[in-house]
Amino acid sequence: SAYWLSLGSFGVPLVMVGLTVLWLDRRGITPPSFIAWILGLWT
């Protein structure tokens, strides 16, 4: 349970998604809207 609450949770993938969004933005690339839609639905 502790593993799935921490390292196995959504936290690490969210960091990767956020860093990808920032990486795209720094290069002038608009992130695809499916990221926002999936994140919104999941939220």
All heavy atoms as atom14 arrays in JSON, in Angstrom:
{
  "sequence": "SAYWLSLGSFGVPLVMVGLTVLWLDRRGITPPSFIAWILGLWT",
  "atom14_mask": [
    [1, 1, 1, 1, 1, 1, 0, 0, 0, 0, 0, 0, 0, 0],
    [1, 1, 1, 1, 1, 0, 0, 0, 0, 0, 0, 0, 0, 0],
    [1, 1, 1, 1, 1, 1, 1, 1, 1, 1, 1, 1, 0, 0],
    [1, 1, 1, 1, 1, 1, 1, 1, 1, 1, 1, 1, 1, 1],
    [1, 1, 1, 1, 1, 1, 1, 1, 0, 0, 0, 0, 0, 0],
    [1, 1, 1, 1, 1, 1, 0, 0, 0, 0, 0, 0, 0, 0],
    [1, 1, 1, 1, 1, 1, 1, 1, 0, 0, 0, 0, 0, 0],
    [1, 1, 1, 1, 0, 0, 0, 0, 0, 0, 0, 0, 0, 0],
    [1, 1, 1, 1, 1, 1, 0, 0, 0, 0, 0, 0, 0, 0],
    [1, 1, 1, 1, 1, 1, 1, 1, 1, 1, 1, 0, 0, 0],
    [1, 1, 1, 1, 0, 0, 0, 0, 0, 0, 0, 0, 0, 0],
    [1, 1, 1, 1, 1, 1, 1, 0, 0, 0, 0, 0, 0, 0],
    [1, 1, 1, 1, 1, 1, 1, 0, 0, 0, 0, 0, 0, 0],
    [1, 1, 1, 1, 1, 1, 1, 1, 0, 0, 0, 0, 0, 0],
    [1, 1, 1, 1, 1, 1, 1, 0, 0, 0, 0, 0, 0, 0],
    [1, 1, 1, 1, 1, 1, 1, 1, 0, 0, 0, 0, 0, 0],
    [1, 1, 1, 1, 1, 1, 1, 0, 0, 0, 0, 0, 0, 0],
    [1, 1, 1, 1, 0, 0, 0, 0, 0, 0, 0, 0, 0, 0],
    [1, 1, 1, 1, 1, 1, 1, 1, 0, 0, 0, 0, 0, 0],
    [1, 1, 1, 1, 1, 1, 1, 0, 0, 0, 0, 0, 0, 0],
    [1, 1, 1, 1, 1, 1, 1, 0, 0, 0, 0, 0, 0, 0],
    [1, 1, 1, 1, 1, 1, 1, 1, 0, 0, 0, 0, 0, 0],
    [1, 1, 1, 1, 1, 1, 1, 1, 1, 1, 1, 1, 1, 1],
    [1, 1, 1, 1, 1, 1, 1, 1, 0, 0, 0, 0, 0, 0],
    [1, 1, 1, 1, 1, 1, 1, 1, 0, 0, 0, 0, 0, 0],
    [1, 1, 1, 1, 1, 1, 1, 1, 1, 1, 1, 0, 0, 0],
    [1, 1, 1, 1, 1, 1, 1, 1, 1, 1, 1, 0, 0, 0],
    [1, 1, 1, 1, 0, 0, 0, 0, 0, 0, 0, 0, 0, 0],
    [1, 1, 1, 1, 1, 1, 1, 1, 0, 0, 0, 0, 0, 0],
    [1, 1, 1, 1, 1, 1, 1, 0, 0, 0, 0, 0, 0, 0],
    [1, 1, 1, 1, 1, 1, 1, 0, 0, 0, 0, 0, 0, 0],
    [1, 1, 1, 1, 1, 1, 1, 0, 0, 0, 0, 0, 0, 0],
    [1, 1, 1, 1, 1, 1, 0, 0, 0, 0, 0, 0, 0, 0],
    [1, 1, 1, 1, 1, 1, 1, 1, 1, 1, 1, 0, 0, 0],
    [1, 1, 1, 1, 1, 1, 1, 1, 0, 0, 0, 0, 0, 0],
    [1, 1, 1, 1, 1, 0, 0, 0, 0, 0, 0, 0, 0, 0],
    [1, 1, 1, 1, 1, 1, 1, 1, 1, 1, 1, 1, 1, 1],
    [1, 1, 1, 1, 1, 1, 1, 1, 0, 0, 0, 0, 0, 0],
    [1, 1, 1, 1, 1, 1, 1, 1, 0, 0, 0, 0, 0, 0],
    [1, 1, 1, 1, 0, 0, 0, 0, 0, 0, 0, 0, 0, 0],
    [1, 1, 1, 1, 1, 1, 1, 1, 0, 0, 0, 0, 0, 0],
    [1, 1, 1, 1, 1, 1, 1, 1, 1, 1, 1, 1, 1, 1],
    [1, 1, 1, 1, 1, 1, 1, 0, 0, 0, 0, 0, 0, 0]
  ],
  "atom14_positions": [
    [[0.83, -1.2, 0.0], [0.0, 0.0, 0.0], [0.87, 1.26, 0.0], [0.6, 2.21, -0.73], [-0.92, -0.02, 1.22], [-1.7, 1.14, 1.26], [0.0, 0.0, 0.0], [0.0, 0.0, 0.0], [0.0, 0.0, 0.0], [0.0, 0.0, 0.0], [0.0, 0.0, 0.0], [0.0, 0.0, 0.0], [0.0, 0.0, 0.0], [0.0, 0.0, 0.0]],
    [[1.92, 1.25, 0.81], [2.84, 2.39, 0.87], [3.54, 2.6, -0.47], [3.74, 3.75, -0.9], [3.86, 2.19, 1.99], [0.0, 0.0, 0.0], [0.0, 0.0, 0.0], [0.0, 0.0, 0.0], [0.0, 0.0, 0.0], [0.0, 0.0, 0.0], [0.0, 0.0, 0.0], [0.0, 0.0, 0.0], [0.0, 0.0, 0.0], [0.0, 0.0, 0.0]],
    [[3.9, 1.52, -1.13], [4.54, 1.62, -2.44], [3.61, 2.29, -3.46], [3.99, 3.21, -4.17], [4.97, 0.24, -2.95], [5.52, 0.29, -4.35], [6.79, 0.77, -4.58], [4.75, -0.11, -5.43], [7.29, 0.85, -5.86], [5.24, -0.04, -6.71], [6.53, 0.45, -6.93], [7.0, 0.53, -8.22], [0.0, 0.0, 0.0], [0.0, 0.0, 0.0]],
    [[2.35, 1.81, -3.51], [1.41, 2.36, -4.49], [0.96, 3.77, -4.14], [0.5, 4.5, -5.01], [0.23, 1.41, -4.68], [0.65, 0.2, -5.45], [0.83, -1.06, -4.98], [0.99, 0.15, -6.84], [1.28, -1.89, -5.99], [1.39, -1.17, -7.14], [1.03, 1.1, -7.85], [1.79, -1.56, -8.4], [1.43, 0.7, -9.12], [1.8, -0.61, -9.38]],
    [[1.11, 4.17, -2.9], [0.82, 5.55, -2.5], [1.95, 6.48, -2.88], [1.73, 7.67, -3.11], [0.59, 5.62, -0.98], [0.34, 7.0, -0.4], [-0.98, 7.57, -0.92], [0.35, 6.94, 1.12], [0.0, 0.0, 0.0], [0.0, 0.0, 0.0], [0.0, 0.0, 0.0], [0.0, 0.0, 0.0], [0.0, 0.0, 0.0], [0.0, 0.0, 0.0]],
    [[3.16, 5.96, -3.01], [4.33, 6.82, -3.23], [4.96, 6.59, -4.6], [4.53, 7.18, -5.59], [5.35, 6.61, -2.1], [5.78, 5.26, -2.05], [0.0, 0.0, 0.0], [0.0, 0.0, 0.0], [0.0, 0.0, 0.0], [0.0, 0.0, 0.0], [0.0, 0.0, 0.0], [0.0, 0.0, 0.0], [0.0, 0.0, 0.0], [0.0, 0.0, 0.0]],
    [[5.95, 5.72, -4.68], [6.69, 5.53, -5.92], [5.87, 4.92, -7.05], [6.12, 5.21, -8.23], [7.93, 4.67, -5.66], [8.96, 5.27, -4.71], [10.14, 4.33, -4.57], [9.41, 6.64, -5.17], [0.0, 0.0, 0.0], [0.0, 0.0, 0.0], [0.0, 0.0, 0.0], [0.0, 0.0, 0.0], [0.0, 0.0, 0.0], [0.0, 0.0, 0.0]],
    [[4.91, 4.1, -6.73], [4.08, 3.47, -7.75], [2.83, 4.27, -8.1], [2.02, 3.83, -8.89], [0.0, 0.0, 0.0], [0.0, 0.0, 0.0], [0.0, 0.0, 0.0], [0.0, 0.0, 0.0], [0.0, 0.0, 0.0], [0.0, 0.0, 0.0], [0.0, 0.0, 0.0], [0.0, 0.0, 0.0], [0.0, 0.0, 0.0], [0.0, 0.0, 0.0]],
    [[2.7, 5.46, -7.53], [1.5, 6.27, -7.73], [1.59, 7.1, -9.01], [2.53, 6.98, -9.79], [1.29, 7.2, -6.54], [2.2, 8.3, -6.61], [0.0, 0.0, 0.0], [0.0, 0.0, 0.0], [0.0, 0.0, 0.0], [0.0, 0.0, 0.0], [0.0, 0.0, 0.0], [0.0, 0.0, 0.0], [0.0, 0.0, 0.0], [0.0, 0.0, 0.0]],
    [[0.66, 8.0, -9.16], [0.62, 8.88, -10.31], [1.6, 10.04, -10.19], [1.79, 10.8, -11.13], [-0.8, 9.45, -10.48], [-1.26, 10.22, -9.28], [-0.93, 11.55, -9.1], [-2.03, 9.6, -8.31], [-1.34, 12.24, -7.98], [-2.45, 10.28, -7.19], [-2.1, 11.62, -7.02], [0.0, 0.0, 0.0], [0.0, 0.0, 0.0], [0.0, 0.0, 0.0]],
    [[2.22, 10.2, -9.03], [3.1, 11.35, -8.8], [4.25, 11.45, -9.77], [4.49, 12.5, -10.38], [0.0, 0.0, 0.0], [0.0, 0.0, 0.0], [0.0, 0.0, 0.0], [0.0, 0.0, 0.0], [0.0, 0.0, 0.0], [0.0, 0.0, 0.0], [0.0, 0.0, 0.0], [0.0, 0.0, 0.0], [0.0, 0.0, 0.0], [0.0, 0.0, 0.0]],
    [[4.98, 10.36, -9.95], [6.14, 10.37, -10.84], [5.71, 10.61, -12.29], [6.3, 11.47, -12.97], [6.97, 9.09, -10.68], [8.11, 9.04, -11.69], [7.52, 8.98, -9.25], [0.0, 0.0, 0.0], [0.0, 0.0, 0.0], [0.0, 0.0, 0.0], [0.0, 0.0, 0.0], [0.0, 0.0, 0.0], [0.0, 0.0, 0.0], [0.0, 0.0, 0.0]],
    [[4.69, 9.92, -12.82], [4.26, 10.22, -14.19], [3.77, 11.66, -14.36], [3.98, 12.27, -15.41], [3.14, 9.22, -14.47], [3.41, 8.09, -13.53], [4.01, 8.72, -12.31], [0.0, 0.0, 0.0], [0.0, 0.0, 0.0], [0.0, 0.0, 0.0], [0.0, 0.0, 0.0], [0.0, 0.0, 0.0], [0.0, 0.0, 0.0], [0.0, 0.0, 0.0]],
    [[3.14, 12.22, -13.33], [2.71, 13.62, -13.44], [3.9, 14.56, -13.56], [3.85, 15.52, -14.33], [1.87, 14.03, -12.22], [0.39, 13.75, -12.29], [-0.31, 14.23, -11.02], [-0.25, 14.38, -13.5], [0.0, 0.0, 0.0], [0.0, 0.0, 0.0], [0.0, 0.0, 0.0], [0.0, 0.0, 0.0], [0.0, 0.0, 0.0], [0.0, 0.0, 0.0]],
    [[4.96, 14.28, -12.82], [6.17, 15.09, -12.95], [6.68, 15.01, -14.39], [7.04, 16.03, -15.0], [7.25, 14.65, -11.94], [8.59, 15.33, -12.23], [6.81, 14.94, -10.51], [0.0, 0.0, 0.0], [0.0, 0.0, 0.0], [0.0, 0.0, 0.0], [0.0, 0.0, 0.0], [0.0, 0.0, 0.0], [0.0, 0.0, 0.0], [0.0, 0.0, 0.0]],
    [[6.68, 13.81, -14.97], [7.14, 13.65, -16.35], [6.24, 14.41, -17.33], [6.74, 15.05, -18.26], [7.21, 12.17, -16.73], [8.32, 11.44, -16.02], [8.64, 9.75, -16.58], [7.03, 9.05, -16.78], [0.0, 0.0, 0.0], [0.0, 0.0, 0.0], [0.0, 0.0, 0.0], [0.0, 0.0, 0.0], [0.0, 0.0, 0.0], [0.0, 0.0, 0.0]],
    [[4.94, 14.35, -17.13], [4.02, 15.08, -18.01], [4.25, 16.58, -17.88], [4.34, 17.3, -18.88], [2.54, 14.73, -17.69], [1.58, 15.67, -18.38], [2.24, 13.29, -18.08], [0.0, 0.0, 0.0], [0.0, 0.0, 0.0], [0.0, 0.0, 0.0], [0.0, 0.0, 0.0], [0.0, 0.0, 0.0], [0.0, 0.0, 0.0], [0.0, 0.0, 0.0]],
    [[4.36, 17.06, -16.65], [4.61, 18.49, -16.43], [5.91, 18.95, -17.06], [5.97, 20.01, -17.69], [0.0, 0.0, 0.0], [0.0, 0.0, 0.0], [0.0, 0.0, 0.0], [0.0, 0.0, 0.0], [0.0, 0.0, 0.0], [0.0, 0.0, 0.0], [0.0, 0.0, 0.0], [0.0, 0.0, 0.0], [0.0, 0.0, 0.0], [0.0, 0.0, 0.0]],
    [[6.98, 18.16, -16.88], [8.26, 18.53, -17.47], [8.2, 18.49, -19.0], [8.83, 19.31, -19.68], [9.37, 17.6, -16.96], [9.75, 17.8, -15.49], [10.75, 16.73, -15.05], [10.29, 19.2, -15.22], [0.0, 0.0, 0.0], [0.0, 0.0, 0.0], [0.0, 0.0, 0.0], [0.0, 0.0, 0.0], [0.0, 0.0, 0.0], [0.0, 0.0, 0.0]],
    [[7.42, 17.57, -19.55], [7.25, 17.51, -21.01], [6.51, 18.74, -21.51], [6.89, 19.33, -22.54], [6.49, 16.22, -21.41], [7.23, 15.09, -20.96], [6.29, 16.15, -22.91], [0.0, 0.0, 0.0], [0.0, 0.0, 0.0], [0.0, 0.0, 0.0], [0.0, 0.0, 0.0], [0.0, 0.0, 0.0], [0.0, 0.0, 0.0], [0.0, 0.0, 0.0]],
    [[5.48, 19.17, -20.79], [4.76, 20.39, -21.15], [5.7, 21.59, -21.13], [5.71, 22.42, -22.05], [3.55, 20.61, -20.2], [2.98, 22.0, -20.33], [2.47, 19.55, -20.46], [0.0, 0.0, 0.0], [0.0, 0.0, 0.0], [0.0, 0.0, 0.0], [0.0, 0.0, 0.0], [0.0, 0.0, 0.0], [0.0, 0.0, 0.0], [0.0, 0.0, 0.0]],
    [[6.53, 21.68, -20.09], [7.5, 22.78, -20.01], [8.54, 22.71, -21.13], [8.9, 23.74, -21.71], [8.18, 22.77, -18.64], [7.29, 23.12, -17.46], [8.01, 22.83, -16.14], [6.84, 24.57, -17.52], [0.0, 0.0, 0.0], [0.0, 0.0, 0.0], [0.0, 0.0, 0.0], [0.0, 0.0, 0.0], [0.0, 0.0, 0.0], [0.0, 0.0, 0.0]],
    [[9.0, 21.52, -21.43], [9.98, 21.32, -22.5], [9.39, 21.77, -23.84], [10.05, 22.47, -24.61], [10.38, 19.84, -22.55], [11.45, 19.5, -23.53], [12.79, 19.54, -23.31], [11.27, 19.05, -24.88], [13.45, 19.13, -24.45], [12.54, 18.84, -25.42], [10.14, 18.82, -25.67], [12.73, 18.4, -26.72], [10.33, 18.38, -26.97], [11.61, 18.18, -27.48]],
    [[8.16, 21.36, -24.11], [7.49, 21.76, -25.35], [7.33, 23.28, -25.41], [7.61, 23.91, -26.43], [6.13, 21.08, -25.47], [6.13, 19.58, -25.72], [4.74, 18.99, -25.5], [6.63, 19.27, -27.12], [0.0, 0.0, 0.0], [0.0, 0.0, 0.0], [0.0, 0.0, 0.0], [0.0, 0.0, 0.0], [0.0, 0.0, 0.0], [0.0, 0.0, 0.0]],
    [[6.88, 23.85, -24.29], [6.65, 25.3, -24.25], [7.94, 26.08, -24.51], [7.94, 27.07, -25.24], [6.05, 25.68, -22.9], [5.71, 27.15, -22.83], [4.85, 27.6, -23.63], [6.31, 27.86, -21.99], [0.0, 0.0, 0.0], [0.0, 0.0, 0.0], [0.0, 0.0, 0.0], [0.0, 0.0, 0.0], [0.0, 0.0, 0.0], [0.0, 0.0, 0.0]],
    [[9.05, 25.63, -23.92], [10.34, 26.31, -24.12], [10.77, 26.29, -25.58], [11.54, 27.14, -26.01], [11.42, 25.68, -23.26], [11.53, 26.34, -21.9], [12.72, 25.82, -21.11], [12.19, 25.04, -20.0], [12.35, 23.76, -19.81], [13.08, 23.05, -20.61], [11.81, 23.15, -18.78], [0.0, 0.0, 0.0], [0.0, 0.0, 0.0], [0.0, 0.0, 0.0]],
    [[10.31, 25.33, -26.33], [10.67, 25.22, -27.73], [9.61, 25.81, -28.66], [9.67, 25.68, -29.87], [10.93, 23.75, -28.08], [12.26, 23.3, -27.53], [12.34, 21.84, -27.29], [13.64, 21.47, -26.74], [14.01, 21.67, -25.47], [13.19, 22.25, -24.62], [15.2, 21.31, -25.03], [0.0, 0.0, 0.0], [0.0, 0.0, 0.0], [0.0, 0.0, 0.0]],
    [[8.61, 26.45, -28.07], [7.55, 27.07, -28.86], [6.57, 26.09, -29.46], [5.87, 26.41, -30.42], [0.0, 0.0, 0.0], [0.0, 0.0, 0.0], [0.0, 0.0, 0.0], [0.0, 0.0, 0.0], [0.0, 0.0, 0.0], [0.0, 0.0, 0.0], [0.0, 0.0, 0.0], [0.0, 0.0, 0.0], [0.0, 0.0, 0.0], [0.0, 0.0, 0.0]],
    [[6.51, 24.89, -28.88], [5.6, 23.86, -29.38], [4.4, 23.79, -28.43], [4.57, 23.66, -27.22], [6.29, 22.48, -29.42], [7.54, 22.54, -30.3], [5.32, 21.4, -29.9], [8.44, 21.31, -30.17], [0.0, 0.0, 0.0], [0.0, 0.0, 0.0], [0.0, 0.0, 0.0], [0.0, 0.0, 0.0], [0.0, 0.0, 0.0], [0.0, 0.0, 0.0]],
    [[3.22, 23.9, -28.97], [2.01, 23.81, -28.15], [1.74, 22.35, -27.81], [1.66, 21.51, -28.71], [0.8, 24.39, -28.91], [1.11, 25.73, -29.3], [-0.44, 24.37, -28.05], [0.0, 0.0, 0.0], [0.0, 0.0, 0.0], [0.0, 0.0, 0.0], [0.0, 0.0, 0.0], [0.0, 0.0, 0.0], [0.0, 0.0, 0.0], [0.0, 0.0, 0.0]],
    [[1.6, 22.04, -26.52], [1.29, 20.66, -26.14], [-0.05, 20.23, -26.75], [-0.97, 21.04, -26.86], [1.18, 20.71, -24.61], [1.93, 21.93, -24.21], [1.76, 22.9, -25.35], [0.0, 0.0, 0.0], [0.0, 0.0, 0.0], [0.0, 0.0, 0.0], [0.0, 0.0, 0.0], [0.0, 0.0, 0.0], [0.0, 0.0, 0.0], [0.0, 0.0, 0.0]],
    [[-0.16, 18.97, -27.14], [-1.43, 18.51, -27.72], [-2.56, 18.61, -26.7], [-2.35, 18.37, -25.51], [-1.14, 17.06, -28.11], [0.07, 16.66, -27.35], [0.83, 17.91, -27.04], [0.0, 0.0, 0.0], [0.0, 0.0, 0.0], [0.0, 0.0, 0.0], [0.0, 0.0, 0.0], [0.0, 0.0, 0.0], [0.0, 0.0, 0.0], [0.0, 0.0, 0.0]],
    [[-3.73, 18.97, -27.18], [-4.86, 19.19, -26.27], [-5.31, 17.91, -25.57], [-5.94, 17.98, -24.52], [-6.03, 19.82, -27.02], [-6.47, 18.99, -28.06], [0.0, 0.0, 0.0], [0.0, 0.0, 0.0], [0.0, 0.0, 0.0], [0.0, 0.0, 0.0], [0.0, 0.0, 0.0], [0.0, 0.0, 0.0], [0.0, 0.0, 0.0], [0.0, 0.0, 0.0]],
    [[-4.96, 16.72, -26.12], [-5.38, 15.5, -25.45], [-4.77, 15.39, -24.05], [-5.36, 14.76, -23.17], [-5.08, 14.24, -26.28], [-3.63, 13.9, -26.45], [-2.93, 13.23, -25.44], [-2.97, 14.22, -27.62], [-1.59, 12.91, -25.6], [-1.64, 13.9, -27.8], [-0.94, 13.25, -26.77], [0.0, 0.0, 0.0], [0.0, 0.0, 0.0], [0.0, 0.0, 0.0]],
    [[-3.6, 16.0, -23.83], [-3.01, 15.99, -22.49], [-3.95, 16.7, -21.52], [-4.24, 16.19, -20.43], [-1.62, 16.64, -22.49], [-0.63, 15.79, -23.28], [-1.12, 16.85, -21.05], [0.75, 16.43, -23.44], [0.0, 0.0, 0.0], [0.0, 0.0, 0.0], [0.0, 0.0, 0.0], [0.0, 0.0, 0.0], [0.0, 0.0, 0.0], [0.0, 0.0, 0.0]],
    [[-4.44, 17.86, -21.91], [-5.35, 18.62, -21.06], [-6.67, 17.89, -20.85], [-7.2, 17.85, -19.73], [-5.6, 20.0, -21.65], [0.0, 0.0, 0.0], [0.0, 0.0, 0.0], [0.0, 0.0, 0.0], [0.0, 0.0, 0.0], [0.0, 0.0, 0.0], [0.0, 0.0, 0.0], [0.0, 0.0, 0.0], [0.0, 0.0, 0.0], [0.0, 0.0, 0.0]],
    [[-7.21, 17.31, -21.91], [-8.5, 16.62, -21.8], [-8.4, 15.38, -20.9], [-9.26, 15.14, -20.05], [-9.04, 16.23, -23.17], [-9.6, 17.41, -23.9], [-9.08, 18.01, -25.0], [-10.77, 18.15, -23.55], [-9.84, 19.08, -25.37], [-10.9, 19.2, -24.5], [-11.71, 18.06, -22.55], [-11.94, 20.11, -24.47], [-12.75, 18.98, -22.51], [-12.86, 19.98, -23.45]],
    [[-7.35, 14.6, -21.08], [-7.19, 13.41, -20.25], [-6.92, 13.8, -18.8], [-7.5, 13.22, -17.87], [-6.07, 12.49, -20.81], [-6.52, 11.9, -22.15], [-5.71, 11.39, -19.81], [-5.42, 11.19, -22.91], [0.0, 0.0, 0.0], [0.0, 0.0, 0.0], [0.0, 0.0, 0.0], [0.0, 0.0, 0.0], [0.0, 0.0, 0.0], [0.0, 0.0, 0.0]],
    [[-6.06, 14.78, -18.59], [-5.78, 15.26, -17.23], [-7.05, 15.79, -16.58], [-7.34, 15.5, -15.42], [-4.7, 16.34, -17.26], [-4.28, 16.92, -15.92], [-3.64, 15.87, -15.04], [-3.32, 18.09, -16.14], [0.0, 0.0, 0.0], [0.0, 0.0, 0.0], [0.0, 0.0, 0.0], [0.0, 0.0, 0.0], [0.0, 0.0, 0.0], [0.0, 0.0, 0.0]],
    [[-7.84, 16.55, -17.32], [-9.1, 17.09, -16.8], [-10.1, 16.0, -16.45], [-10.71, 16.02, -15.38], [0.0, 0.0, 0.0], [0.0, 0.0, 0.0], [0.0, 0.0, 0.0], [0.0, 0.0, 0.0], [0.0, 0.0, 0.0], [0.0, 0.0, 0.0], [0.0, 0.0, 0.0], [0.0, 0.0, 0.0], [0.0, 0.0, 0.0], [0.0, 0.0, 0.0]],
    [[-10.27, 15.03, -17.34], [-11.2, 13.93, -17.09], [-10.78, 13.11, -15.87], [-11.58, 12.8, -15.0], [-11.31, 13.02, -18.31], [-12.19, 11.78, -18.16], [-13.64, 12.17, -17.9], [-12.08, 10.91, -19.41], [0.0, 0.0, 0.0], [0.0, 0.0, 0.0], [0.0, 0.0, 0.0], [0.0, 0.0, 0.0], [0.0, 0.0, 0.0], [0.0, 0.0, 0.0]],
    [[-9.51, 12.79, -15.81], [-8.97, 12.02, -14.69], [-9.16, 12.8, -13.37], [-9.51, 12.22, -12.35], [-7.5, 11.73, -14.96], [-6.78, 11.0, -13.88], [-7.13, 9.8, -13.32], [-5.6, 11.42, -13.23], [-6.2, 9.46, -12.35], [-5.25, 10.45, -12.29], [-4.77, 12.54, -13.36], [-4.13, 10.55, -11.48], [-3.66, 12.64, -12.57], [-3.36, 11.66, -11.63]],
    [[-8.96, 14.1, -13.42], [-9.12, 14.94, -12.23], [-10.56, 14.98, -11.78], [-10.85, 14.93, -10.57], [-8.6, 16.36, -12.53], [-7.23, 16.27, -12.91], [-8.72, 17.25, -11.32], [0.0, 0.0, 0.0], [0.0, 0.0, 0.0], [0.0, 0.0, 0.0], [0.0, 0.0, 0.0], [0.0, 0.0, 0.0], [0.0, 0.0, 0.0], [0.0, 0.0, 0.0]]
  ]
}
